[in-house]
């Protein structure tokens, strides 16, 4: 089992969610976050004054997947979130030792 953490552009959420559903991912968590990477922010003009926006709005998607679905889930995220421009995001993968469903007590892949 793996935990996939993806940082994506906000307007790509629907495409990524749909692609993950098609890949067999049952659930995910979405969090609004701010950050920067190579983009280093940008400048905006507001009421005639220019100011720097250091942290750009992004979405963090987290989903726990079984090993059988892992490759398809990674492919779904990278394909659906891509625009080909700097700032498309990153995908991080963490191995999960154990998962437990609180309601039923199921453990492992059955809990996903």
N, C-alpha and C. Protein backbone atom coordinates (compact mmCIF):
# COMPACT_ATOMS: atom_id res chain seq x y z
N UNK A 1 0.84 -1.17 0.00
CA UNK A 1 0.00 0.00 0.00
C UNK A 1 0.89 1.24 0.00
N UNK A 2 0.38 2.28 -0.64
CA UNK A 2 1.12 3.53 -0.76
C UNK A 2 0.20 4.70 -0.44
N UNK A 3 0.82 5.77 0.07
CA UNK A 3 0.13 7.04 0.25
C UNK A 3 0.68 7.97 -0.82
N UNK A 4 -0.20 8.45 -1.68
CA UNK A 4 0.19 9.37 -2.75
C UNK A 4 -0.22 10.77 -2.32
N UNK A 5 0.74 11.69 -2.34
CA UNK A 5 0.48 13.09 -2.03
C UNK A 5 0.83 13.88 -3.28
N UNK A 6 -0.15 14.58 -3.83
CA UNK A 6 0.05 15.35 -5.06
C UNK A 6 -0.28 16.81 -4.79
N UNK A 7 0.61 17.69 -5.24
CA UNK A 7 0.37 19.13 -5.18
C UNK A 7 0.06 19.56 -6.61
N UNK A 8 -1.14 20.11 -6.83
CA UNK A 8 -1.57 20.44 -8.19
C UNK A 8 -2.15 21.85 -8.26
N UNK A 9 -2.37 22.31 -9.48
CA UNK A 9 -3.04 23.60 -9.69
C UNK A 9 -4.52 23.44 -9.34
N UNK A 10 -5.12 24.44 -8.71
CA UNK A 10 -6.53 24.31 -8.27
C UNK A 10 -7.53 24.00 -9.38
N UNK A 11 -7.34 24.57 -10.56
CA UNK A 11 -8.33 24.37 -11.62
C UNK A 11 -8.25 22.97 -12.24
N UNK A 12 -7.27 22.17 -11.85
CA UNK A 12 -7.12 20.82 -12.37
C UNK A 12 -7.79 19.76 -11.49
N UNK A 13 -8.40 20.18 -10.40
CA UNK A 13 -8.96 19.22 -9.44
C UNK A 13 -9.98 18.28 -10.06
N UNK A 14 -10.96 18.81 -10.78
CA UNK A 14 -12.00 17.94 -11.34
C UNK A 14 -11.43 16.90 -12.29
N UNK A 15 -10.47 17.30 -13.12
CA UNK A 15 -9.85 16.35 -14.05
C UNK A 15 -9.09 15.26 -13.30
N UNK A 16 -8.35 15.65 -12.27
CA UNK A 16 -7.58 14.68 -11.50
C UNK A 16 -8.50 13.74 -10.74
N UNK A 17 -9.55 14.28 -10.12
CA UNK A 17 -10.50 13.45 -9.37
C UNK A 17 -11.16 12.42 -10.28
N UNK A 18 -11.57 12.86 -11.45
CA UNK A 18 -12.20 11.94 -12.40
C UNK A 18 -11.22 10.87 -12.88
N UNK A 19 -10.00 11.27 -13.16
CA UNK A 19 -8.99 10.32 -13.63
C UNK A 19 -8.66 9.29 -12.54
N UNK A 20 -8.58 9.74 -11.29
CA UNK A 20 -8.31 8.81 -10.19
C UNK A 20 -9.47 7.83 -10.01
N UNK A 21 -10.69 8.31 -10.14
CA UNK A 21 -11.85 7.42 -10.06
C UNK A 21 -11.80 6.36 -11.14
N UNK A 22 -11.44 6.76 -12.37
CA UNK A 22 -11.33 5.81 -13.47
C UNK A 22 -10.20 4.81 -13.24
N UNK A 23 -9.17 5.21 -12.48
CA UNK A 23 -8.03 4.34 -12.20
C UNK A 23 -8.30 3.38 -11.05
N UNK A 24 -9.44 3.54 -10.37
CA UNK A 24 -9.80 2.62 -9.30
C UNK A 24 -9.53 3.13 -7.90
N UNK A 25 -9.27 4.42 -7.75
CA UNK A 25 -9.06 4.99 -6.42
C UNK A 25 -10.43 5.30 -5.81
N UNK A 26 -10.67 4.77 -4.62
CA UNK A 26 -11.98 4.90 -3.99
C UNK A 26 -12.20 6.20 -3.25
N UNK A 27 -11.17 6.79 -2.69
CA UNK A 27 -11.36 8.00 -1.91
C UNK A 27 -10.10 8.84 -1.90
N UNK A 28 -10.28 10.12 -1.58
CA UNK A 28 -9.14 11.02 -1.50
C UNK A 28 -9.48 12.18 -0.59
N UNK A 29 -8.44 12.86 -0.16
CA UNK A 29 -8.58 14.04 0.68
C UNK A 29 -7.96 15.22 -0.05
N UNK A 30 -8.65 16.36 -0.06
CA UNK A 30 -8.15 17.55 -0.74
C UNK A 30 -8.01 18.67 0.29
N UNK A 31 -6.87 19.34 0.27
CA UNK A 31 -6.61 20.45 1.16
C UNK A 31 -6.12 21.64 0.35
N UNK A 32 -6.65 22.83 0.65
CA UNK A 32 -6.15 24.04 0.01
C UNK A 32 -4.86 24.44 0.71
N UNK A 33 -3.79 24.61 -0.08
CA UNK A 33 -2.48 24.98 0.48
C UNK A 33 -1.90 26.13 -0.33
N UNK A 34 -0.82 26.72 0.17
CA UNK A 34 -0.10 27.74 -0.57
C UNK A 34 1.37 27.38 -0.54
N UNK A 35 2.08 27.71 -1.59
CA UNK A 35 3.51 27.41 -1.63
C UNK A 35 4.12 27.90 -2.92
N UNK A 36 5.39 27.59 -3.07
CA UNK A 36 6.07 27.93 -4.31
C UNK A 36 7.22 26.96 -4.53
N UNK A 37 7.60 26.84 -5.75
CA UNK A 37 8.74 26.03 -6.15
C UNK A 37 9.57 26.85 -7.10
N UNK A 38 9.73 26.37 -8.30
CA UNK A 38 10.50 27.10 -9.30
C UNK A 38 9.81 28.36 -9.78
N UNK A 39 8.50 28.44 -9.58
CA UNK A 39 7.76 29.64 -10.01
C UNK A 39 8.21 30.87 -9.23
N UNK A 40 8.56 30.70 -7.97
CA UNK A 40 9.00 31.79 -7.10
C UNK A 40 7.97 32.90 -6.96
N UNK A 41 6.71 32.59 -7.12
CA UNK A 41 5.66 33.60 -7.00
C UNK A 41 5.59 34.49 -8.23
N UNK A 42 4.84 35.58 -8.11
CA UNK A 42 4.69 36.52 -9.21
C UNK A 42 4.26 37.88 -8.66
N UNK A 43 4.27 38.88 -9.54
CA UNK A 43 3.83 40.21 -9.11
C UNK A 43 2.45 40.48 -9.68
N UNK A 44 1.64 41.22 -8.93
CA UNK A 44 0.31 41.61 -9.37
C UNK A 44 0.14 43.11 -9.18
N UNK A 45 -0.78 43.67 -9.94
CA UNK A 45 -1.08 45.08 -9.83
C UNK A 45 -2.46 45.22 -9.18
N UNK A 46 -2.54 45.95 -8.07
CA UNK A 46 -3.80 46.14 -7.37
C UNK A 46 -3.95 47.62 -7.03
N UNK A 47 -4.97 48.25 -7.59
CA UNK A 47 -5.23 49.67 -7.38
C UNK A 47 -4.00 50.54 -7.63
N UNK A 48 -3.33 50.22 -8.70
CA UNK A 48 -2.18 51.01 -9.11
C UNK A 48 -0.88 50.67 -8.40
N UNK A 49 -0.93 49.82 -7.38
CA UNK A 49 0.29 49.43 -6.65
C UNK A 49 0.68 48.01 -7.04
N UNK A 50 1.95 47.82 -7.24
CA UNK A 50 2.46 46.49 -7.59
C UNK A 50 2.91 45.79 -6.31
N UNK A 51 2.53 44.54 -6.16
CA UNK A 51 2.98 43.79 -5.00
C UNK A 51 3.32 42.37 -5.41
N UNK A 52 4.14 41.71 -4.59
CA UNK A 52 4.63 40.37 -4.89
C UNK A 52 3.78 39.34 -4.16
N UNK A 53 3.35 38.33 -4.90
CA UNK A 53 2.65 37.19 -4.32
C UNK A 53 3.67 36.07 -4.22
N UNK A 54 4.18 35.83 -3.00
CA UNK A 54 5.22 34.82 -2.81
C UNK A 54 4.66 33.40 -2.83
N UNK A 55 3.54 33.21 -2.17
CA UNK A 55 2.97 31.88 -2.06
C UNK A 55 1.76 31.77 -2.98
N UNK A 56 1.81 30.80 -3.87
CA UNK A 56 0.74 30.60 -4.84
C UNK A 56 -0.26 29.57 -4.34
N UNK A 57 -1.55 29.75 -4.63
CA UNK A 57 -2.54 28.78 -4.18
C UNK A 57 -2.39 27.47 -4.94
N UNK A 58 -2.41 26.37 -4.22
CA UNK A 58 -2.33 25.03 -4.78
C UNK A 58 -3.32 24.14 -4.03
N UNK A 59 -3.50 22.93 -4.51
CA UNK A 59 -4.30 21.93 -3.82
C UNK A 59 -3.42 20.74 -3.51
N UNK A 60 -3.56 20.20 -2.30
CA UNK A 60 -2.86 18.98 -1.94
C UNK A 60 -3.88 17.85 -1.92
N UNK A 61 -3.60 16.84 -2.72
CA UNK A 61 -4.47 15.66 -2.79
C UNK A 61 -3.73 14.51 -2.14
N UNK A 62 -4.40 13.83 -1.23
CA UNK A 62 -3.82 12.66 -0.58
C UNK A 62 -4.75 11.47 -0.82
N UNK A 63 -4.17 10.35 -1.23
CA UNK A 63 -4.97 9.14 -1.39
C UNK A 63 -4.11 7.92 -1.08
N UNK A 64 -4.70 7.02 -0.32
CA UNK A 64 -4.06 5.75 0.00
C UNK A 64 -4.55 4.72 -1.02
N UNK A 65 -3.61 4.01 -1.63
CA UNK A 65 -3.98 3.06 -2.68
C UNK A 65 -3.31 1.71 -2.44
N UNK A 66 -3.96 0.67 -2.93
CA UNK A 66 -3.38 -0.66 -2.90
C UNK A 66 -2.29 -0.75 -3.98
N UNK A 67 -1.37 -1.66 -3.81
CA UNK A 67 -0.26 -1.80 -4.75
C UNK A 67 -0.73 -2.06 -6.18
N UNK A 68 -1.86 -2.75 -6.34
CA UNK A 68 -2.36 -3.08 -7.68
C UNK A 68 -2.82 -1.83 -8.43
N UNK A 69 -3.25 -0.82 -7.71
CA UNK A 69 -3.80 0.40 -8.31
C UNK A 69 -2.75 1.51 -8.41
N UNK A 70 -1.62 1.34 -7.73
CA UNK A 70 -0.63 2.40 -7.59
C UNK A 70 -0.16 2.99 -8.91
N UNK A 71 0.30 2.19 -9.84
CA UNK A 71 0.83 2.70 -11.11
C UNK A 71 -0.24 3.46 -11.90
N UNK A 72 -1.46 2.91 -11.92
CA UNK A 72 -2.56 3.58 -12.64
C UNK A 72 -2.90 4.92 -11.99
N UNK A 73 -2.82 4.99 -10.66
CA UNK A 73 -3.13 6.23 -9.96
C UNK A 73 -2.08 7.30 -10.25
N UNK A 74 -0.82 6.94 -10.25
CA UNK A 74 0.25 7.88 -10.56
C UNK A 74 0.11 8.39 -12.00
N UNK A 75 -0.17 7.49 -12.91
CA UNK A 75 -0.36 7.88 -14.31
C UNK A 75 -1.55 8.82 -14.46
N UNK A 76 -2.63 8.53 -13.74
CA UNK A 76 -3.83 9.36 -13.81
C UNK A 76 -3.55 10.78 -13.32
N UNK A 77 -2.82 10.90 -12.20
CA UNK A 77 -2.52 12.22 -11.66
C UNK A 77 -1.62 13.00 -12.61
N UNK A 78 -0.54 12.38 -13.06
CA UNK A 78 0.42 13.11 -13.89
C UNK A 78 -0.18 13.51 -15.23
N UNK A 79 -1.03 12.68 -15.78
CA UNK A 79 -1.66 13.02 -17.07
C UNK A 79 -2.71 14.12 -16.90
N UNK A 80 -3.57 13.98 -15.90
CA UNK A 80 -4.67 14.93 -15.72
C UNK A 80 -4.21 16.29 -15.20
N UNK A 81 -3.14 16.34 -14.42
CA UNK A 81 -2.70 17.59 -13.81
C UNK A 81 -1.74 18.38 -14.69
N UNK A 82 -1.25 17.79 -15.75
CA UNK A 82 -0.22 18.44 -16.57
C UNK A 82 -0.78 19.53 -17.47
N UNK A 83 -0.07 20.66 -17.50
CA UNK A 83 -0.35 21.72 -18.47
C UNK A 83 0.88 21.96 -19.35
N UNK A 84 2.02 21.42 -18.91
CA UNK A 84 3.25 21.61 -19.65
C UNK A 84 4.01 22.87 -19.26
N UNK A 85 3.54 23.55 -18.23
CA UNK A 85 4.18 24.79 -17.79
C UNK A 85 4.76 24.63 -16.39
N UNK A 86 5.69 25.51 -16.04
CA UNK A 86 6.26 25.50 -14.70
C UNK A 86 5.13 25.73 -13.69
N UNK A 87 5.12 24.95 -12.61
CA UNK A 87 4.10 25.10 -11.59
C UNK A 87 3.01 24.05 -11.64
N UNK A 88 3.18 23.03 -12.48
CA UNK A 88 2.18 21.96 -12.56
C UNK A 88 2.07 21.17 -11.27
N UNK A 89 3.14 21.10 -10.49
CA UNK A 89 3.07 20.44 -9.19
C UNK A 89 4.04 19.30 -9.04
N UNK A 90 3.84 18.55 -7.99
CA UNK A 90 4.71 17.42 -7.64
C UNK A 90 3.84 16.28 -7.12
N UNK A 91 4.41 15.07 -7.18
CA UNK A 91 3.77 13.89 -6.61
C UNK A 91 4.79 13.23 -5.68
N UNK A 92 4.36 12.96 -4.46
CA UNK A 92 5.21 12.28 -3.48
C UNK A 92 4.56 10.95 -3.14
N UNK A 93 5.37 9.93 -2.92
CA UNK A 93 4.86 8.60 -2.61
C UNK A 93 5.50 8.12 -1.31
N UNK A 94 4.65 7.66 -0.40
CA UNK A 94 5.11 7.16 0.89
C UNK A 94 4.56 5.74 1.07
N UNK A 95 5.40 4.82 1.52
CA UNK A 95 4.95 3.46 1.78
C UNK A 95 4.10 3.45 3.06
N UNK A 96 3.00 2.74 3.01
CA UNK A 96 2.12 2.60 4.18
C UNK A 96 2.34 1.23 4.81
N UNK A 97 2.69 1.21 6.08
CA UNK A 97 2.87 -0.06 6.77
C UNK A 97 1.54 -0.69 7.13
N UNK A 98 0.59 0.15 7.54
CA UNK A 98 -0.69 -0.39 7.96
C UNK A 98 -1.79 0.65 7.82
N UNK A 99 -2.97 0.17 7.48
CA UNK A 99 -4.16 1.01 7.41
C UNK A 99 -5.25 0.32 8.22
N UNK A 100 -6.00 1.10 8.98
CA UNK A 100 -7.06 0.54 9.81
C UNK A 100 -8.33 1.35 9.59
N UNK A 101 -9.42 0.68 9.27
CA UNK A 101 -10.72 1.36 9.17
C UNK A 101 -11.34 1.38 10.56
N UNK A 102 -11.60 2.56 11.07
CA UNK A 102 -12.07 2.72 12.44
C UNK A 102 -13.44 2.06 12.64
N UNK A 103 -14.36 2.26 11.73
CA UNK A 103 -15.73 1.78 11.90
C UNK A 103 -15.81 0.26 12.02
N UNK A 104 -15.09 -0.48 11.15
CA UNK A 104 -15.22 -1.93 11.09
C UNK A 104 -14.04 -2.68 11.69
N UNK A 105 -12.92 -2.01 11.86
CA UNK A 105 -11.73 -2.68 12.37
C UNK A 105 -10.94 -3.40 11.30
N UNK A 106 -11.32 -3.25 10.03
CA UNK A 106 -10.59 -3.89 8.94
C UNK A 106 -9.17 -3.35 8.90
N UNK A 107 -8.23 -4.21 8.53
CA UNK A 107 -6.82 -3.84 8.51
C UNK A 107 -6.25 -4.14 7.13
N UNK A 108 -5.28 -3.33 6.72
CA UNK A 108 -4.57 -3.55 5.46
C UNK A 108 -5.36 -3.05 4.26
N UNK A 109 -5.16 -3.72 3.13
CA UNK A 109 -5.81 -3.31 1.88
C UNK A 109 -7.34 -3.37 1.98
N UNK A 110 -7.87 -4.23 2.83
CA UNK A 110 -9.33 -4.30 3.02
C UNK A 110 -9.89 -3.01 3.59
N UNK A 111 -9.06 -2.26 4.32
CA UNK A 111 -9.50 -1.01 4.94
C UNK A 111 -9.55 0.14 3.95
N UNK A 112 -8.93 -0.03 2.79
CA UNK A 112 -8.95 1.04 1.79
C UNK A 112 -10.29 1.07 1.12
